[in-house]
C-alpha atoms as a PDB file:
ATOM      1  CA  MET A   1      73.688 103.429 106.743  1.00  0.00           C
ATOM      2  CA  ARG A   2      72.906 100.233 104.841  1.00  0.00           C
ATOM      3  CA  GLY A   3      75.066  98.230 102.446  1.00  0.00           C
ATOM      4  CA  THR A   4      75.040  99.654  98.927  1.00  0.00           C
ATOM      5  CA  GLU A   5      73.503 103.036  99.696  1.00  0.00           C
ATOM      6  CA  GLY A   6      75.637 106.082 100.290  1.00  0.00           C
ATOM      7  CA  PRO A   7      77.794 108.363  98.204  1.00  0.00           C
ATOM      8  CA  MET A   8      79.953 106.874  95.530  1.00  0.00           C
ATOM      9  CA  VAL A   9      83.050 108.276  93.896  1.00  0.00           C
ATOM     10  CA  CYS A  10      82.308 108.620  90.194  1.00  0.00           C
ATOM     11  CA  GLY A  11      84.192 109.103  86.959  1.00  0.00           C
ATOM     12  CA  GLY A  12      87.715 108.272  85.914  1.00  0.00           C
ATOM     13  CA  ARG A  13      89.034 108.355  89.437  1.00  0.00           C
ATOM     14  CA  ALA A  14      86.797 105.412  90.356  1.00  0.00           C
ATOM     15  CA  TRP A  15      88.010 103.404  87.352  1.00  0.00           C
ATOM     16  CA  ALA A  16      91.625 104.267  88.129  1.00  0.00           C
ATOM     17  CA  ALA A  17      91.059 103.035  91.676  1.00  0.00           C
ATOM     18  CA  LEU A  18      89.609  99.783  90.355  1.00  0.00           C
ATOM     19  CA  ALA A  19      92.726  99.357  88.237  1.00  0.00           C
ATOM     20  CA  GLY A  20      94.811  99.989  91.358  1.00  0.00           C
ATOM     21  CA  PHE A  21      92.959  97.322  93.331  1.00  0.00           C
ATOM     22  CA  VAL A  22      93.400  94.888  90.442  1.00  0.00           C
ATOM     23  CA  VAL A  23      97.136  95.644  90.178  1.00  0.00           C
ATOM     24  CA  VAL A  24      97.709  95.267  93.932  1.00  0.00           C
ATOM     25  CA  THR A  25      95.722  92.034  94.125  1.00  0.00           C
ATOM     26  CA  TYR A  26      97.344  90.416  91.115  1.00  0.00           C
ATOM     27  CA  ALA A  27     100.773  91.592  92.353  1.00  0.00           C
ATOM     28  CA  VAL A  28     100.156  89.320  95.332  1.00  0.00           C
ATOM     29  CA  ALA A  29      99.423  86.530  92.861  1.00  0.00           C
ATOM     30  CA  ALA A  30     102.619  87.323  90.938  1.00  0.00           C
ATOM     31  CA  VAL A  31     104.753  87.238  94.081  1.00  0.00           C
ATOM     32  CA  GLY A  32     103.152  83.910  94.929  1.00  0.00           C
ATOM     33  CA  ALA A  33     103.937  82.617  91.459  1.00  0.00           C
ATOM     34  CA  LEU A  34     107.572  83.713  91.781  1.00  0.00           C
ATOM     35  CA  ALA A  35     107.854  82.109  95.210  1.00  0.00           C
ATOM     36  CA  SER A  36     106.344  78.894  93.929  1.00  0.00           C
ATOM     37  CA  SER A  37     108.091  78.351  90.626  1.00  0.00           C
ATOM     38  CA  ASN A  38     108.579  74.759  91.757  1.00  0.00           C
ATOM     39  CA  ALA A  39     105.031  74.397  93.134  1.00  0.00           C
ATOM     40  CA  ALA A  40     104.059  71.550  90.815  1.00  0.00           C
ATOM     41  CA  GLU A  41     107.076  69.514  91.892  1.00  0.00           C
ATOM     42  CA  VAL A  42     106.559  70.280  95.583  1.00  0.00           C
ATOM     43  CA  TYR A  43     102.826  69.536  95.392  1.00  0.00           C
ATOM     44  CA  ALA A  44     103.458  66.251  93.547  1.00  0.00           C
ATOM     45  CA  SER A  45     106.024  65.196  96.177  1.00  0.00           C
ATOM     46  CA  LEU A  46     103.697  65.747  99.138  1.00  0.00           C
ATOM     47  CA  ASP A  47     101.834  63.001 100.942  1.00  0.00           C
ATOM     48  CA  ARG A  48      98.405  64.413 100.100  1.00  0.00           C
ATOM     49  CA  PRO A  49      95.011  63.078 101.153  1.00  0.00           C
ATOM     50  CA  ASP A  50      92.808  61.435  98.492  1.00  0.00           C
ATOM     51  CA  TRP A  51      90.536  64.488  98.402  1.00  0.00           C
ATOM     52  CA  ALA A  52      93.373  66.843  97.393  1.00  0.00           C
ATOM     53  CA  PRO A  53      92.633  68.444  94.024  1.00  0.00           C
ATOM     54  CA  PRO A  54      94.955  68.038  91.043  1.00  0.00           C
ATOM     55  CA  ALA A  55      97.539  70.791  90.682  1.00  0.00           C
ATOM     56  CA  TRP A  56      95.945  72.255  87.536  1.00  0.00           C
ATOM     57  CA  VAL A  57      92.843  73.353  89.531  1.00  0.00           C
ATOM     58  CA  PHE A  58      94.660  76.007  91.558  1.00  0.00           C
ATOM     59  CA  GLY A  59      95.522  78.431  88.749  1.00  0.00           C
ATOM     60  CA  PRO A  60      91.995  78.902  87.369  1.00  0.00           C
ATOM     61  CA  VAL A  61      90.428  79.069  90.838  1.00  0.00           C
ATOM     62  CA  TRP A  62      92.868  81.676  92.099  1.00  0.00           C
ATOM     63  CA  THR A  63      92.558  83.731  88.920  1.00  0.00           C
ATOM     64  CA  VAL A  64      88.828  84.130  89.546  1.00  0.00           C
ATOM     65  CA  LEU A  65      89.204  84.627  93.299  1.00  0.00           C
ATOM     66  CA  TYR A  66      91.801  87.377  92.916  1.00  0.00           C
ATOM     67  CA  ALA A  67      89.375  89.229  90.639  1.00  0.00           C
ATOM     68  CA  THR A  68      86.634  89.020  93.289  1.00  0.00           C
ATOM     69  CA  ILE A  69      89.061  90.149  96.000  1.00  0.00           C
ATOM     70  CA  ALA A  70      90.021  93.227  93.960  1.00  0.00           C
ATOM     71  CA  LEU A  71      86.403  94.059  93.115  1.00  0.00           C
ATOM     72  CA  SER A  72      85.362  93.693  96.747  1.00  0.00           C
ATOM     73  CA  GLY A  73      88.055  96.077  97.950  1.00  0.00           C
ATOM     74  CA  TRP A  74      87.142  98.591  95.271  1.00  0.00           C
ATOM     75  CA  LEU A  75      83.436  98.479  96.153  1.00  0.00           C
ATOM     76  CA  VAL A  76      84.284  99.221  99.781  1.00  0.00           C
ATOM     77  CA  TRP A  77      86.667 101.993  98.745  1.00  0.00           C
ATOM     78  CA  ARG A  78      83.900 103.653  96.695  1.00  0.00           C
ATOM     79  CA  CYS A  79      81.746 104.128  99.809  1.00  0.00           C
ATOM     80  CA  ALA A  80      83.801 107.128 100.894  1.00  0.00           C
ATOM     81  CA  ASP A  81      81.478 108.378 103.646  1.00  0.00           C
ATOM     82  CA  HIS A  82      80.699 105.054 105.303  1.00  0.00           C
ATOM     83  CA  PRO A  83      81.967 104.985 108.917  1.00  0.00           C
ATOM     84  CA  GLU A  84      83.242 101.381 108.603  1.00  0.00           C
ATOM     85  CA  ARG A  85      85.076 101.948 105.315  1.00  0.00           C
ATOM     86  CA  ARG A  86      88.529 102.555 106.787  1.00  0.00           C
ATOM     87  CA  ARG A  87      88.372  99.481 109.067  1.00  0.00           C
ATOM     88  CA  ALA A  88      87.066  97.305 106.236  1.00  0.00           C
ATOM     89  CA  LEU A  89      89.909  98.407 103.963  1.00  0.00           C
ATOM     90  CA  ALA A  90      92.485  97.857 106.719  1.00  0.00           C
ATOM     91  CA  TRP A  91      91.243  94.281 107.165  1.00  0.00           C
ATOM     92  CA  TRP A  92      91.122  93.844 103.379  1.00  0.00           C
ATOM     93  CA  GLY A  93      94.824  94.736 103.337  1.00  0.00           C
ATOM     94  CA  ALA A  94      95.586  92.478 106.299  1.00  0.00           C
ATOM     95  CA  GLN A  95      93.987  89.438 104.688  1.00  0.00           C
ATOM     96  CA  LEU A  96      95.833  90.155 101.451  1.00  0.00           C
ATOM     97  CA  ALA A  97      99.157  90.356 103.343  1.00  0.00           C
ATOM     98  CA  LEU A  98      98.448  86.990 104.986  1.00  0.00           C
ATOM     99  CA  ASN A  99      97.536  85.598 101.571  1.00  0.00           C
ATOM    100  CA  LEU A 100     100.844  86.923 100.241  1.00  0.00           C
ATOM    101  CA  ALA A 101     102.816  85.195 103.010  1.00  0.00           C
ATOM    102  CA  TRP A 102     101.307  81.728 102.578  1.00  0.00           C
ATOM    103  CA  THR A 103     102.785  80.681  99.210  1.00  0.00           C
ATOM    104  CA  PRO A 104     106.428  81.513 100.038  1.00  0.00           C
ATOM    105  CA  LEU A 105     106.028  79.769 103.397  1.00  0.00           C
ATOM    106  CA  PHE A 106     104.440  76.655 101.937  1.00  0.00           C
ATOM    107  CA  PHE A 107     106.189  76.220  98.592  1.00  0.00           C
ATOM    108  CA  GLY A 108     109.330  78.316  98.989  1.00  0.00           C
ATOM    109  CA  ALA A 109     110.402  77.537 102.559  1.00  0.00           C
ATOM    110  CA  ARG A 110     108.412  74.278 102.774  1.00  0.00           C
ATOM    111  CA  ARG A 111     107.402  75.296 106.261  1.00  0.00           C
ATOM    112  CA  TYR A 112     104.017  73.614 106.175  1.00  0.00           C
ATOM    113  CA  ASP A 113     103.517  74.182 109.912  1.00  0.00           C
ATOM    114  CA  ILE A 114     104.102  77.946 109.729  1.00  0.00           C
ATOM    115  CA  ALA A 115     102.032  78.108 106.542  1.00  0.00           C
ATOM    116  CA  LEU A 116      99.213  76.438 108.497  1.00  0.00           C
ATOM    117  CA  LEU A 117      99.430  79.103 111.192  1.00  0.00           C
ATOM    118  CA  ASP A 118      99.379  81.764 108.471  1.00  0.00           C
ATOM    119  CA  ILE A 119      96.308  80.301 106.784  1.00  0.00           C
ATOM    120  CA  VAL A 120      94.456  79.988 110.110  1.00  0.00           C
ATOM    121  CA  LEU A 121      95.128  83.696 110.648  1.00  0.00           C
ATOM    122  CA  LEU A 122      94.054  84.345 107.045  1.00  0.00           C
ATOM    123  CA  VAL A 123      90.707  82.635 107.633  1.00  0.00           C
ATOM    124  CA  ALA A 124      90.154  84.692 110.788  1.00  0.00           C
ATOM    125  CA  ALA A 125      91.111  87.933 109.024  1.00  0.00           C
ATOM    126  CA  LEU A 126      88.890  87.025 106.113  1.00  0.00           C
ATOM    127  CA  VAL A 127      85.873  86.468 108.364  1.00  0.00           C
ATOM    128  CA  VAL A 128      86.395  89.944 109.846  1.00  0.00           C
ATOM    129  CA  THR A 129      86.936  91.411 106.363  1.00  0.00           C
ATOM    130  CA  ILE A 130      83.720  89.862 105.060  1.00  0.00           C
ATOM    131  CA  ARG A 131      81.720  91.108 108.018  1.00  0.00           C
ATOM    132  CA  LEU A 132      83.046  94.674 107.769  1.00  0.00           C
ATOM    133  CA  SER A 133      82.876  94.767 103.973  1.00  0.00           C
ATOM    134  CA  HIS A 134      79.286  93.534 104.037  1.00  0.00           C
ATOM    135  CA  ARG A 135      78.361  96.381 106.376  1.00  0.00           C
ATOM    136  CA  VAL A 136      79.845  98.904 103.961  1.00  0.00           C
ATOM    137  CA  HIS A 137      78.632  97.356 100.692  1.00  0.00           C
ATOM    138  CA  ARG A 138      76.614  94.154 100.683  1.00  0.00           C
ATOM    139  CA  ALA A 139      78.060  92.850  97.410  1.00  0.00           C
ATOM    140  CA  ALA A 140      81.616  93.507  98.613  1.00  0.00           C
ATOM    141  CA  GLY A 141      81.112  91.107 101.489  1.00  0.00           C
ATOM    142  CA  LEU A 142      79.368  88.503  99.366  1.00  0.00           C
ATOM    143  CA  LEU A 143      82.134  88.581  96.750  1.00  0.00           C
ATOM    144  CA  LEU A 144      84.551  87.293  99.394  1.00  0.00           C
ATOM    145  CA  VAL A 145      82.477  84.271 100.449  1.00  0.00           C
ATOM    146  CA  PRO A 146      83.820  81.926  97.723  1.00  0.00           C
ATOM    147  CA  TYR A 147      87.341  83.043  98.678  1.00  0.00           C
ATOM    148  CA  LEU A 148      86.636  82.096 102.292  1.00  0.00           C
ATOM    149  CA  GLY A 149      85.337  78.713 101.153  1.00  0.00           C
ATOM    150  CA  TRP A 150      88.438  78.031  99.070  1.00  0.00           C
ATOM    151  CA  VAL A 151      90.818  79.214 101.792  1.00  0.00           C
ATOM    152  CA  GLY A 152      88.960  77.074 104.334  1.00  0.00           C
ATOM    153  CA  PHE A 153      89.435  74.089 102.033  1.00  0.00           C
ATOM    154  CA  ALA A 154      93.121  75.015 101.575  1.00  0.00           C
ATOM    155  CA  MET A 155      93.489  75.260 105.345  1.00  0.00           C
ATOM    156  CA  ALA A 156      92.113  71.731 105.746  1.00  0.00           C
ATOM    157  CA  LEU A 157      94.465  70.501 103.022  1.00  0.00           C
ATOM    158  CA  ASN A 158      97.418  72.288 104.649  1.00  0.00           C
ATOM    159  CA  ALA A 159      96.502  70.720 108.020  1.00  0.00           C
ATOM    160  CA  ALA A 160      96.259  67.259 106.425  1.00  0.00           C
ATOM    161  CA  ILE A 161      99.674  67.718 104.852  1.00  0.00           C
ATOM    162  CA  VAL A 162     101.197  68.800 108.170  1.00  0.00           C
ATOM    163  CA  TRP A 163      99.642  65.739 109.808  1.00  0.00           C
ATOM    164  CA  ARG A 164     100.771  63.347 107.061  1.00  0.00           C
ATOM    165  CA  GLU A 165     104.240  64.804 106.572  1.00  0.00           C
ATOM    166  CA  GLY A 166     104.745  64.600 110.346  1.00  0.00           C
END
């Protein structure tokens, strides 16, 4: 079975599921926001490399990325008869859980080293998620590519901070 072909769940149930994916994904964002209420202060206090973006960039970027994460999961979910659907959704959940853990580790606990381990695992989980999602629904995999790029950049920034903070 190829990417976007295959049976799709239609009607209100599909839209309700999309709403569910949006709620779950943005709940991760909300938990991150609660865990990082002092993020601007922490970020400003860090010994950051010159290529680190200004703090105001993160909110708009993550707002868009969380939307693509939710849409990707929903597109995979809609392909009910695809044999890889269940694995793709399990990895989608795993990457979201790792995403959820990073902000409290980095900003809340200020454990930059453990946050780095978490984000390395997030990148690995995201690569698997993209591969599986792409098999189920081509667009679902492609929607996650910018997320992987941003998380890869964040991983490099996290590593630089660990190195500089010593």
